[in-house]
Amino acid sequence: MLARAFDRGHGYELREAGADDVVSETYYSALELGGDALTAMGVHPERARRMTQSFVASEKANEDQLFNAWRNIEESIHFSPRYGELFMKLEESLGHAMREDIRRIEDEAPAWTPPRNSG
């Protein structure tokens, strides 16, 4: 079953209800905006694309762990310390992957200067 979620928690609820493939309404637009923001800050477009890909890969690699931790949250508790720990590990892992990717891309990519605003 396919489903559209408005955020991560709603996606977990849909997955719990039996959805096999859940897509967040805001996920891909946030990825695109994040890549555009990196480029606007002077990051080479190819590096920004790869950083976005690293983020997606990291999320995908940890989605089952986060989902299972979410499932174990007691109904009366709105936040699980275990879920928070996993989410922080995901953030650390993502940061490491992005730093490694940046290091690799710097060795491969030619120098790039962002376009200047004309206004």
PDB file of N, CA and C in Angstrom:
ATOM      1  N   MET A   1       0.844  -1.164   0.000  1.00  0.00           N
ATOM      2  CA  MET A   1       0.000   0.000   0.000  1.00  0.00           C
ATOM      3  C   MET A   1       0.899   1.240   0.000  1.00  0.00           C
ATOM      4  N   LEU A   2       0.549   2.215  -0.796  1.00  0.00           N
ATOM      5  CA  LEU A   2       1.267   3.484  -0.880  1.00  0.00           C
ATOM      6  C   LEU A   2       0.543   4.521  -0.034  1.00  0.00           C
ATOM      7  N   ALA A   3       1.318   5.419   0.584  1.00  0.00           N
ATOM      8  CA  ALA A   3       0.700   6.455   1.415  1.00  0.00           C
ATOM      9  C   ALA A   3       1.531   7.715   1.395  1.00  0.00           C
ATOM     10  N   ARG A   4       0.867   8.837   1.631  1.00  0.00           N
ATOM     11  CA  ARG A   4       1.541  10.132   1.728  1.00  0.00           C
ATOM     12  C   ARG A   4       1.381  10.643   3.152  1.00  0.00           C
ATOM     13  N   ALA A   5       2.502  11.032   3.750  1.00  0.00           N
ATOM     14  CA  ALA A   5       2.505  11.527   5.136  1.00  0.00           C
ATOM     15  C   ALA A   5       2.865  12.995   5.148  1.00  0.00           C
ATOM     16  N   PHE A   6       2.422  13.697   6.178  1.00  0.00           N
ATOM     17  CA  PHE A   6       2.800  15.111   6.274  1.00  0.00           C
ATOM     18  C   PHE A   6       4.060  15.318   7.084  1.00  0.00           C
ATOM     19  N   ASP A   7       4.467  14.350   7.915  1.00  0.00           N
ATOM     20  CA  ASP A   7       5.724  14.452   8.649  1.00  0.00           C
ATOM     21  C   ASP A   7       6.175  13.056   9.067  1.00  0.00           C
ATOM     22  N   ARG A   8       7.304  12.985   9.761  1.00  0.00           N
ATOM     23  CA  ARG A   8       7.882  11.693  10.140  1.00  0.00           C
ATOM     24  C   ARG A   8       6.943  10.879  11.032  1.00  0.00           C
ATOM     25  N   GLY A   9       6.369  11.512  12.037  1.00  0.00           N
ATOM     26  CA  GLY A   9       5.463  10.792  12.943  1.00  0.00           C
ATOM     27  C   GLY A   9       4.244  10.253  12.220  1.00  0.00           C
ATOM     28  N   HIS A  10       3.678  11.061  11.338  1.00  0.00           N
ATOM     29  CA  HIS A  10       2.525  10.608  10.561  1.00  0.00           C
ATOM     30  C   HIS A  10       2.939   9.447   9.653  1.00  0.00           C
ATOM     31  N   GLY A  11       4.142   9.520   9.104  1.00  0.00           N
ATOM     32  CA  GLY A  11       4.656   8.424   8.281  1.00  0.00           C
ATOM     33  C   GLY A  11       4.768   7.135   9.079  1.00  0.00           C
ATOM     34  N   TYR A  12       5.225   7.247  10.327  1.00  0.00           N
ATOM     35  CA  TYR A  12       5.310   6.060  11.177  1.00  0.00           C
ATOM     36  C   TYR A  12       3.924   5.489  11.454  1.00  0.00           C
ATOM     37  N   GLU A  13       2.960   6.366  11.679  1.00  0.00           N
ATOM     38  CA  GLU A  13       1.587   5.905  11.917  1.00  0.00           C
ATOM     39  C   GLU A  13       1.052   5.158  10.695  1.00  0.00           C
ATOM     40  N   LEU A  14       1.319   5.691   9.512  1.00  0.00           N
ATOM     41  CA  LEU A  14       0.870   5.030   8.284  1.00  0.00           C
ATOM     42  C   LEU A  14       1.576   3.693   8.087  1.00  0.00           C
ATOM     43  N   ARG A  15       2.858   3.670   8.395  1.00  0.00           N
ATOM     44  CA  ARG A  15       3.619   2.428   8.286  1.00  0.00           C
ATOM     45  C   ARG A  15       3.081   1.396   9.279  1.00  0.00           C
ATOM     46  N   GLU A  16       2.769   1.835  10.479  1.00  0.00           N
ATOM     47  CA  GLU A  16       2.196   0.958  11.503  1.00  0.00           C
ATOM     48  C   GLU A  16       0.840   0.402  11.039  1.00  0.00           C
ATOM     49  N   ALA A  17       0.106   1.211  10.271  1.00  0.00           N
ATOM     50  CA  ALA A  17      -1.208   0.794   9.783  1.00  0.00           C
ATOM     51  C   ALA A  17      -1.110  -0.122   8.563  1.00  0.00           C
ATOM     52  N   GLY A  18       0.110  -0.350   8.071  1.00  0.00           N
ATOM     53  CA  GLY A  18       0.291  -1.302   6.986  1.00  0.00           C
ATOM     54  C   GLY A  18       0.816  -0.741   5.683  1.00  0.00           C
ATOM     55  N   ALA A  19       1.111   0.529   5.619  1.00  0.00           N
ATOM     56  CA  ALA A  19       1.655   1.109   4.387  1.00  0.00           C
ATOM     57  C   ALA A  19       3.064   0.573   4.150  1.00  0.00           C
ATOM     58  N   ASP A  20       3.317   0.153   2.936  1.00  0.00           N
ATOM     59  CA  ASP A  20       4.640  -0.370   2.577  1.00  0.00           C
ATOM     60  C   ASP A  20       5.580   0.735   2.102  1.00  0.00           C
ATOM     61  N   ASP A  21       5.014   1.728   1.452  1.00  0.00           N
ATOM     62  CA  ASP A  21       5.808   2.816   0.890  1.00  0.00           C
ATOM     63  C   ASP A  21       5.175   4.132   1.307  1.00  0.00           C
ATOM     64  N   VAL A  22       5.871   4.877   2.156  1.00  0.00           N
ATOM     65  CA  VAL A  22       5.359   6.148   2.669  1.00  0.00           C
ATOM     66  C   VAL A  22       6.265   7.270   2.193  1.00  0.00           C
ATOM     67  N   VAL A  23       5.670   8.290   1.602  1.00  0.00           N
ATOM     68  CA  VAL A  23       6.421   9.447   1.131  1.00  0.00           C
ATOM     69  C   VAL A  23       5.912  10.672   1.885  1.00  0.00           C
ATOM     70  N   SER A  24       6.844  11.427   2.438  1.00  0.00           N
ATOM     71  CA  SER A  24       6.498  12.650   3.156  1.00  0.00           C
ATOM     72  C   SER A  24       6.207  13.771   2.174  1.00  0.00           C
ATOM     73  N   GLU A  25       5.172  14.546   2.464  1.00  0.00           N
ATOM     74  CA  GLU A  25       4.815  15.687   1.613  1.00  0.00           C
ATOM     75  C   GLU A  25       5.958  16.691   1.518  1.00  0.00           C
ATOM     76  N   THR A  26       6.711  16.835   2.575  1.00  0.00           N
ATOM     77  CA  THR A  26       7.717  17.890   2.622  1.00  0.00           C
ATOM     78  C   THR A  26       9.149  17.396   2.434  1.00  0.00           C
ATOM     79  N   TYR A  27       9.379  16.097   2.459  1.00  0.00           N
ATOM     80  CA  TYR A  27      10.735  15.545   2.460  1.00  0.00           C
ATOM     81  C   TYR A  27      11.551  15.986   1.243  1.00  0.00           C
ATOM     82  N   TYR A  28      11.029  15.737   0.045  1.00  0.00           N
ATOM     83  CA  TYR A  28      11.815  16.013  -1.154  1.00  0.00           C
ATOM     84  C   TYR A  28      11.948  17.501  -1.440  1.00  0.00           C
ATOM     85  N   SER A  29      10.926  18.279  -1.097  1.00  0.00           N
ATOM     86  CA  SER A  29      11.070  19.723  -1.276  1.00  0.00           C
ATOM     87  C   SER A  29      12.104  20.267  -0.286  1.00  0.00           C
ATOM     88  N   ALA A  30      12.160  19.695   0.917  1.00  0.00           N
ATOM     89  CA  ALA A  30      13.167  20.114   1.896  1.00  0.00           C
ATOM     90  C   ALA A  30      14.568  19.737   1.420  1.00  0.00           C
ATOM     91  N   LEU A  31      14.719  18.563   0.819  1.00  0.00           N
ATOM     92  CA  LEU A  31      16.022  18.162   0.269  1.00  0.00           C
ATOM     93  C   LEU A  31      16.457  19.116  -0.836  1.00  0.00           C
ATOM     94  N   GLU A  32      15.537  19.448  -1.720  1.00  0.00           N
ATOM     95  CA  GLU A  32      15.866  20.349  -2.817  1.00  0.00           C
ATOM     96  C   GLU A  32      16.236  21.734  -2.291  1.00  0.00           C
ATOM     97  N   LEU A  33      15.447  22.231  -1.353  1.00  0.00           N
ATOM     98  CA  LEU A  33      15.735  23.542  -0.778  1.00  0.00           C
ATOM     99  C   LEU A  33      17.080  23.532  -0.047  1.00  0.00           C
ATOM    100  N   GLY A  34      17.364  22.448   0.667  1.00  0.00           N
ATOM    101  CA  GLY A  34      18.650  22.333   1.359  1.00  0.00           C
ATOM    102  C   GLY A  34      19.814  22.355   0.380  1.00  0.00           C
ATOM    103  N   GLY A  35      19.685  21.635  -0.736  1.00  0.00           N
ATOM    104  CA  GLY A  35      20.723  21.651  -1.761  1.00  0.00           C
ATOM    105  C   GLY A  35      20.895  23.029  -2.362  1.00  0.00           C
ATOM    106  N   ASP A  36      19.774  23.710  -2.621  1.00  0.00           N
ATOM    107  CA  ASP A  36      19.844  25.077  -3.148  1.00  0.00           C
ATOM    108  C   ASP A  36      20.508  26.020  -2.151  1.00  0.00           C
ATOM    109  N   ALA A  37      20.202  25.832  -0.865  1.00  0.00           N
ATOM    110  CA  ALA A  37      20.813  26.681   0.166  1.00  0.00           C
ATOM    111  C   ALA A  37      22.322  26.461   0.223  1.00  0.00           C
ATOM    112  N   LEU A  38      22.756  25.203   0.128  1.00  0.00           N
ATOM    113  CA  LEU A  38      24.194  24.915   0.121  1.00  0.00           C
ATOM    114  C   LEU A  38      24.880  25.607  -1.052  1.00  0.00           C
ATOM    115  N   THR A  39      24.264  25.513  -2.231  1.00  0.00           N
ATOM    116  CA  THR A  39      24.824  26.146  -3.418  1.00  0.00           C
ATOM    117  C   THR A  39      24.872  27.665  -3.248  1.00  0.00           C
ATOM    118  N   ALA A  40      23.807  28.235  -2.694  1.00  0.00           N
ATOM    119  CA  ALA A  40      23.773  29.690  -2.472  1.00  0.00           C
ATOM    120  C   ALA A  40      24.852  30.135  -1.497  1.00  0.00           C
ATOM    121  N   MET A  41      25.264  29.243  -0.597  1.00  0.00           N
ATOM    122  CA  MET A  41      26.315  29.570   0.370  1.00  0.00           C
ATOM    123  C   MET A  41      27.706  29.318  -0.197  1.00  0.00           C
ATOM    124  N   GLY A  42      27.777  28.892  -1.468  1.00  0.00           N
ATOM    125  CA  GLY A  42      29.074  28.732  -2.106  1.00  0.00           C
ATOM    126  C   GLY A  42      29.537  27.305  -2.284  1.00  0.00           C
ATOM    127  N   VAL A  43      28.726  26.343  -1.903  1.00  0.00           N
ATOM    128  CA  VAL A  43      29.094  24.943  -2.109  1.00  0.00           C
ATOM    129  C   VAL A  43      28.910  24.610  -3.590  1.00  0.00           C
ATOM    130  N   HIS A  44      29.874  23.921  -4.182  1.00  0.00           N
ATOM    131  CA  HIS A  44      29.778  23.514  -5.580  1.00  0.00           C
ATOM    132  C   HIS A  44      28.487  22.705  -5.766  1.00  0.00           C
ATOM    133  N   PRO A  45      27.742  22.940  -6.852  1.00  0.00           N
ATOM    134  CA  PRO A  45      26.474  22.221  -7.060  1.00  0.00           C
ATOM    135  C   PRO A  45      26.604  20.699  -7.016  1.00  0.00           C
ATOM    136  N   GLU A  46      27.690  20.166  -7.545  1.00  0.00           N
ATOM    137  CA  GLU A  46      27.880  18.712  -7.510  1.00  0.00           C
ATOM    138  C   GLU A  46      28.083  18.233  -6.070  1.00  0.00           C
ATOM    139  N   ARG A  47      28.829  19.000  -5.292  1.00  0.00           N
ATOM    140  CA  ARG A  47      29.038  18.650  -3.889  1.00  0.00           C
ATOM    141  C   ARG A  47      27.709  18.711  -3.136  1.00  0.00           C
ATOM    142  N   ALA A  48      26.910  19.742  -3.393  1.00  0.00           N
ATOM    143  CA  ALA A  48      25.604  19.869  -2.738  1.00  0.00           C
ATOM    144  C   ALA A  48      24.721  18.679  -3.096  1.00  0.00           C
ATOM    145  N   ARG A  49      24.755  18.250  -4.355  1.00  0.00           N
ATOM    146  CA  ARG A  49      23.964  17.088  -4.780  1.00  0.00           C
ATOM    147  C   ARG A  49      24.414  15.829  -4.046  1.00  0.00           C
ATOM    148  N   ARG A  50      25.715  15.658  -3.945  1.00  0.00           N
ATOM    149  CA  ARG A  50      26.236  14.466  -3.255  1.00  0.00           C
ATOM    150  C   ARG A  50      25.954  14.513  -1.754  1.00  0.00           C
ATOM    151  N   MET A  51      26.008  15.689  -1.168  1.00  0.00           N
ATOM    152  CA  MET A  51      25.689  15.817   0.253  1.00  0.00           C
ATOM    153  C   MET A  51      24.219  15.442   0.481  1.00  0.00           C
ATOM    154  N   THR A  52      23.358  15.866  -0.421  1.00  0.00           N
ATOM    155  CA  THR A  52      21.943  15.512  -0.331  1.00  0.00           C
ATOM    156  C   THR A  52      21.777  14.004  -0.464  1.00  0.00           C
ATOM    157  N   GLN A  53      22.498  13.399  -1.398  1.00  0.00           N
ATOM    158  CA  GLN A  53      22.440  11.947  -1.561  1.00  0.00           C
ATOM    159  C   GLN A  53      22.936  11.230  -0.304  1.00  0.00           C
ATOM    160  N   SER A  54      23.977  11.760   0.327  1.00  0.00           N
ATOM    161  CA  SER A  54      24.481  11.167   1.574  1.00  0.00           C
ATOM    162  C   SER A  54      23.421  11.216   2.662  1.00  0.00           C
ATOM    163  N   PHE A  55      22.714  12.332   2.733  1.00  0.00           N
ATOM    164  CA  PHE A  55      21.643  12.471   3.719  1.00  0.00           C
ATOM    165  C   PHE A  55      20.557  11.429   3.482  1.00  0.00           C
ATOM    166  N   VAL A  56      20.127  11.279   2.225  1.00  0.00           N
ATOM    167  CA  VAL A  56      19.080  10.305   1.896  1.00  0.00           C
ATOM    168  C   VAL A  56      19.543   8.885   2.237  1.00  0.00           C
ATOM    169  N   ALA A  57      20.781   8.557   1.893  1.00  0.00           N
ATOM    170  CA  ALA A  57      21.317   7.217   2.178  1.00  0.00           C
ATOM    171  C   ALA A  57      21.376   6.957   3.676  1.00  0.00           C
ATOM    172  N   SER A  58      21.789   7.958   4.441  1.00  0.00           N
ATOM    173  CA  SER A  58      21.865   7.810   5.892  1.00  0.00           C
ATOM    174  C   SER A  58      20.483   7.606   6.493  1.00  0.00           C
ATOM    175  N   GLU A  59      19.518   8.389   6.042  1.00  0.00           N
ATOM    176  CA  GLU A  59      18.136   8.234   6.511  1.00  0.00           C
ATOM    177  C   GLU A  59      17.630   6.832   6.193  1.00  0.00           C
ATOM    178  N   LYS A  60      17.843   6.392   4.965  1.00  0.00           N
ATOM    179  CA  LYS A  60      17.366   5.084   4.521  1.00  0.00           C
ATOM    180  C   LYS A  60      18.000   3.963   5.348  1.00  0.00           C
ATOM    181  N   ALA A  61      19.298   4.075   5.625  1.00  0.00           N
ATOM    182  CA  ALA A  61      20.006   3.040   6.372  1.00  0.00           C
ATOM    183  C   ALA A  61      19.504   2.905   7.810  1.00  0.00           C
ATOM    184  N   ASN A  62      18.933   3.977   8.346  1.00  0.00           N
ATOM    185  CA  ASN A  62      18.513   3.960   9.750  1.00  0.00           C
ATOM    186  C   ASN A  62      17.006   3.997   9.947  1.00  0.00           C
ATOM    187  N   GLU A  63      16.222   3.981   8.859  1.00  0.00           N
ATOM    188  CA  GLU A  63      14.789   4.164   8.995  1.00  0.00           C
ATOM    189  C   GLU A  63      14.109   3.051   9.795  1.00  0.00           C
ATOM    190  N   ASP A  64      14.535   1.813   9.626  1.00  0.00           N
ATOM    191  CA  ASP A  64      13.897   0.716  10.371  1.00  0.00           C
ATOM    192  C   ASP A  64      14.188   0.819  11.861  1.00  0.00           C
ATOM    193  N   GLN A  65      15.414   1.186  12.211  1.00  0.00           N
ATOM    194  CA  GLN A  65      15.775   1.353  13.618  1.00  0.00           C
ATOM    195  C   GLN A  65      14.944   2.453  14.273  1.00  0.00           C
ATOM    196  N   LEU A  66      14.818   3.585  13.587  1.00  0.00           N
ATOM    197  CA  LEU A  66      14.023   4.685  14.125  1.00  0.00           C
ATOM    198  C   LEU A  66      12.550   4.297  14.230  1.00  0.00           C
ATOM    199  N   PHE A  67      12.044   3.616  13.216  1.00  0.00           N
ATOM    200  CA  PHE A  67      10.649   3.179  13.239  1.00  0.00           C
ATOM    201  C   PHE A  67      10.398   2.230  14.409  1.00  0.00           C
ATOM    202  N   ASN A  68      11.286   1.282  14.609  1.00  0.00           N
ATOM    203  CA  ASN A  68      11.113   0.330  15.714  1.00  0.00           C
ATOM    204  C   ASN A  68      11.200   1.019  17.074  1.00  0.00           C
ATOM    205  N   ALA A  69      12.072   1.988  17.211  1.00  0.00           N
ATOM    206  CA  ALA A  69      12.145   2.747  18.466  1.00  0.00           C
ATOM    207  C   ALA A  69      10.861   3.538  18.665  1.00  0.00           C
ATOM    208  N   TRP A  70      10.323   4.125  17.608  1.00  0.00           N
ATOM    209  CA  TRP A  70       9.065   4.860  17.691  1.00  0.00           C
ATOM    210  C   TRP A  70       7.936   3.939  18.131  1.00  0.00           C
ATOM    211  N   ARG A  71       7.920   2.714  17.609  1.00  0.00           N
ATOM    212  CA  ARG A  71       6.873   1.750  17.952  1.00  0.00           C
ATOM    213  C   ARG A  71       6.891   1.398  19.435  1.00  0.00           C
ATOM    214  N   ASN A  72       8.049   1.478  20.056  1.00  0.00           N
ATOM    215  CA  ASN A  72       8.173   1.100  21.462  1.00  0.00           C
ATOM    216  C   ASN A  72       7.834   2.221  22.431  1.00  0.00           C
ATOM    217  N   ILE A  73       7.515   3.382  21.907  1.00  0.00           N
ATOM    218  CA  ILE A  73       7.140   4.500  22.776  1.00  0.00           C
ATOM    219  C   ILE A  73       5.792   4.186  23.416  1.00  0.00           C
ATOM    220  N   GLU A  74       5.736   4.333  24.719  1.00  0.00           N
ATOM    221  CA  GLU A  74       4.469   4.101  25.409  1.00  0.00           C
ATOM    222  C   GLU A  74       3.472   5.167  25.000  1.00  0.00           C
ATOM    223  N   GLU A  75       2.207   4.807  24.952  1.00  0.00           N
ATOM    224  CA  GLU A  75       1.178   5.733  24.484  1.00  0.00           C
ATOM    225  C   GLU A  75       1.126   7.018  25.294  1.00  0.00           C
ATOM    226  N   SER A  76       1.437   6.968  26.558  1.00  0.00           N
ATOM    227  CA  SER A  76       1.344   8.171  27.384  1.00  0.00           C
ATOM    228  C   SER A  76       2.581   9.055  27.273  1.00  0.00           C
ATOM    229  N   ILE A  77       3.621   8.544  26.635  1.00  0.00           N
ATOM    230  CA  ILE A  77       4.865   9.299  26.491  1.00  0.00           C
ATOM    231  C   ILE A  77       4.957   9.801  25.054  1.00  0.00           C
ATOM    232  N   HIS A  78       5.238  11.073  24.891  1.00  0.00           N
ATOM    233  CA  HIS A  78       5.329  11.631  23.551  1.00  0.00           C
ATOM    234  C   HIS A  78       6.755  11.649  23.020  1.00  0.00           C
ATOM    235  N   PHE A  79       7.726  11.337  23.857  1.00  0.00           N
ATOM    236  CA  PHE A  79       9.108  11.314  23.401  1.00  0.00           C
ATOM    237  C   PHE A  79       9.833  10.191  24.115  1.00  0.00           C
ATOM    238  N   SER A  80      10.559   9.405  23.364  1.00  0.00           N
ATOM    239  CA  SER A  80      11.301   8.286  23.920  1.00  0.00           C
ATOM    240  C   SER A  80      12.781   8.630  23.955  1.00  0.00           C
ATOM    241  N   PRO A  81      13.430   8.450  25.108  1.00  0.00           N
ATOM    242  CA  PRO A  81      14.881   8.682  25.146  1.00  0.00           C
ATOM    243  C   PRO A  81      15.625   7.810  24.134  1.00  0.00           C
ATOM    244  N   ARG A  82      15.176   6.574  23.935  1.00  0.00           N
ATOM    245  CA  ARG A  82      15.821   5.679  22.967  1.00  0.00           C
ATOM    246  C   ARG A  82      15.689   6.242  21.547  1.00  0.00           C
ATOM    247  N   TYR A  83      14.517   6.750  21.221  1.00  0.00           N
ATOM    248  CA  TYR A  83      14.307   7.346  19.904  1.00  0.00           C
ATOM    249  C   TYR A  83      15.227   8.560  19.749  1.00  0.00           C
ATOM    250  N   GLY A  84      15.313   9.371  20.778  1.00  0.00           N
ATOM    251  CA  GLY A  84      16.193  10.536  20.742  1.00  0.00           C
ATOM    252  C   GLY A  84      17.644  10.142  20.543  1.00  0.00           C
ATOM    253  N   GLU A  85      18.083   9.081  21.243  1.00  0.00           N
ATOM    254  CA  GLU A  85      19.458   8.597  21.086  1.00  0.00           C
ATOM    255  C   GLU A  85      19.715   8.144  19.651  1.00  0.00           C
ATOM    256  N   LEU A  86      18.774   7.384  19.100  1.00  0.00           N
ATOM    257  CA  LEU A  86      18.940   6.909  17.728  1.00  0.00           C
ATOM    258  C   LEU A  86      18.973   8.072  16.743  1.00  0.00           C
ATOM    259  N   PHE A  87      18.114   9.050  16.975  1.00  0.00           N
ATOM    260  CA  PHE A  87      18.072  10.197  16.085  1.00  0.00           C
ATOM    261  C   PHE A  87      19.392  10.964  16.151  1.00  0.00           C
ATOM    262  N   MET A  88      19.956  11.118  17.341  1.00  0.00           N
ATOM    263  CA  MET A  88      21.243  11.805  17.480  1.00  0.00           C
ATOM    264  C   MET A  88      22.356  11.008  16.808  1.00  0.00           C
ATOM    265  N   LYS A  89      22.319   9.670  16.921  1.00  0.00           N
ATOM    266  CA  LYS A  89      23.313   8.842  16.228  1.00  0.00           C
ATOM    267  C   LYS A  89      23.191   9.020  14.725  1.00  0.00           C
ATOM    268  N   LEU A  90      21.954   9.113  14.243  1.00  0.00           N
ATOM    269  CA  LEU A  90      21.726   9.344  12.825  1.00  0.00           C
ATOM    270  C   LEU A  90      22.342  10.668  12.406  1.00  0.00           C
ATOM    271  N   GLU A  91      22.151  11.701  13.195  1.00  0.00           N
ATOM    272  CA  GLU A  91      22.728  13.014  12.890  1.00  0.00           C
ATOM    273  C   GLU A  91      24.253  12.953  12.870  1.00  0.00           C
ATOM    274  N   GLU A  92      24.850  12.247  13.842  1.00  0.00           N
ATOM    275  CA  GLU A  92      26.307  12.109  13.878  1.00  0.00           C
ATOM    276  C   GLU A  92      26.808  11.344  12.663  1.00  0.00           C
ATOM    277  N   SER A  93      26.121  10.265  12.330  1.00  0.00           N
ATOM    278  CA  SER A  93      26.490   9.452  11.179  1.00  0.00           C
ATOM    279  C   SER A  93      26.389  10.258   9.896  1.00  0.00           C
ATOM    280  N   LEU A  94      25.343  11.041   9.792  1.00  0.00           N
ATOM    281  CA  LEU A  94      25.155  11.882   8.622  1.00  0.00           C
ATOM    282  C   LEU A  94      26.263  12.918   8.514  1.00  0.00           C
ATOM    283  N   GLY A  95      26.594  13.559   9.620  1.00  0.00           N
ATOM    284  CA  GLY A  95      27.674  14.543   9.613  1.00  0.00           C
ATOM    285  C   GLY A  95      28.984  13.928   9.166  1.00  0.00           C
ATOM    286  N   HIS A  96      29.273  12.734   9.667  1.00  0.00           N
ATOM    287  CA  HIS A  96      30.498  12.036   9.280  1.00  0.00           C
ATOM    288  C   HIS A  96      30.475  11.712   7.785  1.00  0.00           C
ATOM    289  N   ALA A  97      29.352  11.189   7.292  1.00  0.00           N
ATOM    290  CA  ALA A  97      29.250  10.837   5.872  1.00  0.00           C
ATOM    291  C   ALA A  97      29.415  12.063   4.994  1.00  0.00           C
ATOM    292  N   MET A  98      28.822  13.168   5.404  1.00  0.00           N
ATOM    293  CA  MET A  98      28.930  14.389   4.609  1.00  0.00           C
ATOM    294  C   MET A  98      30.356  14.939   4.613  1.00  0.00           C
ATOM    295  N   ARG A  99      31.034  14.875   5.772  1.00  0.00           N
ATOM    296  CA  ARG A  99      32.423  15.347   5.823  1.00  0.00           C
ATOM    297  C   ARG A  99      33.315  14.483   4.933  1.00  0.00           C
ATOM    298  N   GLU A 100      33.095  13.169   4.948  1.00  0.00           N
ATOM    299  CA  GLU A 100      33.869  12.270   4.090  1.00  0.00           C
ATOM    300  C   GLU A 100      33.596  12.561   2.630  1.00  0.00           C
ATOM    301  N   ASP A 101      32.333  12.803   2.319  1.00  0.00           N
ATOM    302  CA  ASP A 101      31.967  13.097   0.942  1.00  0.00           C
ATOM    303  C   ASP A 101      32.606  14.411   0.488  1.00  0.00           C
ATOM    304  N   ILE A 102      32.601  15.410   1.338  1.00  0.00           N
ATOM    305  CA  ILE A 102      33.220  16.699   1.007  1.00  0.00           C
ATOM    306  C   ILE A 102      34.706  16.503   0.733  1.00  0.00           C
ATOM    307  N   ARG A 103      35.359  15.746   1.603  1.00  0.00           N
ATOM    308  CA  ARG A 103      36.791  15.500   1.432  1.00  0.00           C
ATOM    309  C   ARG A 103      37.066  14.818   0.086  1.00  0.00           C
ATOM    310  N   ARG A 104      36.231  13.837  -0.258  1.00  0.00           N
ATOM    311  CA  ARG A 104      36.409  13.113  -1.512  1.00  0.00           C
ATOM    312  C   ARG A 104      36.138  14.016  -2.709  1.00  0.00           C
ATOM    313  N   ILE A 105      35.090  14.802  -2.645  1.00  0.00           N
ATOM    314  CA  ILE A 105      34.723  15.678  -3.762  1.00  0.00           C
ATOM    315  C   ILE A 105      35.763  16.770  -3.969  1.00  0.00           C
ATOM    316  N   GLU A 106      36.314  17.294  -2.886  1.00  0.00           N
ATOM    317  CA  GLU A 106      37.342  18.329  -3.024  1.00  0.00           C
ATOM    318  C   GLU A 106      38.526  17.815  -3.822  1.00  0.00           C
ATOM    319  N   ASP A 107      38.808  16.525  -3.703  1.00  0.00           N
ATOM    320  CA  ASP A 107      39.900  15.937  -4.472  1.00  0.00           C
ATOM    321  C   ASP A 107      39.529  15.756  -5.940  1.00  0.00           C
ATOM    322  N   GLU A 108      38.207  15.612  -6.223  1.00  0.00           N
ATOM    323  CA  GLU A 108      37.754  15.315  -7.585  1.00  0.00           C
ATOM    324  C   GLU A 108      37.300  16.550  -8.366  1.00  0.00           C
ATOM    325  N   ALA A 109      36.637  17.488  -7.704  1.00  0.00           N
ATOM    326  CA  ALA A 109      35.963  18.584  -8.405  1.00  0.00           C
ATOM    327  C   ALA A 109      36.880  19.774  -8.658  1.00  0.00           C
ATOM    328  N   PRO A 110      36.691  20.440  -9.802  1.00  0.00           N
ATOM    329  CA  PRO A 110      37.443  21.670 -10.053  1.00  0.00           C
ATOM    330  C   PRO A 110      36.921  22.795  -9.167  1.00  0.00           C
ATOM    331  N   ALA A 111      37.719  23.823  -9.010  1.00  0.00           N
ATOM    332  CA  ALA A 111      37.298  24.975  -8.203  1.00  0.00           C
ATOM    333  C   ALA A 111      36.062  25.598  -8.836  1.00  0.00           C
ATOM    334  N   TRP A 112      35.172  26.134  -8.000  1.00  0.00           N
ATOM    335  CA  TRP A 112      33.928  26.730  -8.484  1.00  0.00           C
ATOM    336  C   TRP A 112      33.639  27.979  -7.690  1.00  0.00           C
ATOM    337  N   THR A 113      33.191  29.005  -8.376  1.00  0.00           N
ATOM    338  CA  THR A 113      32.825  30.264  -7.721  1.00  0.00           C
ATOM    339  C   THR A 113      31.345  30.479  -7.939  1.00  0.00           C
ATOM    340  N   PRO A 114      30.577  30.750  -6.872  1.00  0.00           N
ATOM    341  CA  PRO A 114      29.139  30.953  -7.054  1.00  0.00           C
ATOM    342  C   PRO A 114      28.869  32.216  -7.860  1.00  0.00           C
ATOM    343  N   PRO A 115      27.735  32.235  -8.587  1.00  0.00           N
ATOM    344  CA  PRO A 115      27.395  33.442  -9.344  1.00  0.00           C
ATOM    345  C   PRO A 115      27.114  34.595  -8.390  1.00  0.00           C
ATOM    346  N   ARG A 116      27.446  35.788  -8.818  1.00  0.00           N
ATOM    347  CA  ARG A 116      27.199  36.973  -8.004  1.00  0.00           C
ATOM    348  C   ARG A 116      25.808  37.491  -8.277  1.00  0.00           C
ATOM    349  N   ASN A 117      25.189  38.058  -7.230  1.00  0.00           N
ATOM    350  CA  ASN A 117      23.894  38.718  -7.409  1.00  0.00           C
ATOM    351  C   ASN A 117      24.112  39.998  -8.185  1.00  0.00           C
ATOM    352  N   SER A 118      23.254  40.244  -9.154  1.00  0.00           N
ATOM    353  CA  SER A 118      23.385  41.469  -9.945  1.00  0.00           C
ATOM    354  C   SER A 118      22.488  42.569  -9.433  1.00  0.00           C
ATOM    355  N   GLY A 119      21.721  42.275  -8.389  1.00  0.00           N
ATOM    356  CA  GLY A 119      20.771  43.267  -7.906  1.00  0.00           C
ATOM    357  C   GLY A 119      21.116  43.713  -6.594  1.00  0.00           C
TER     358      GLY A 119
END
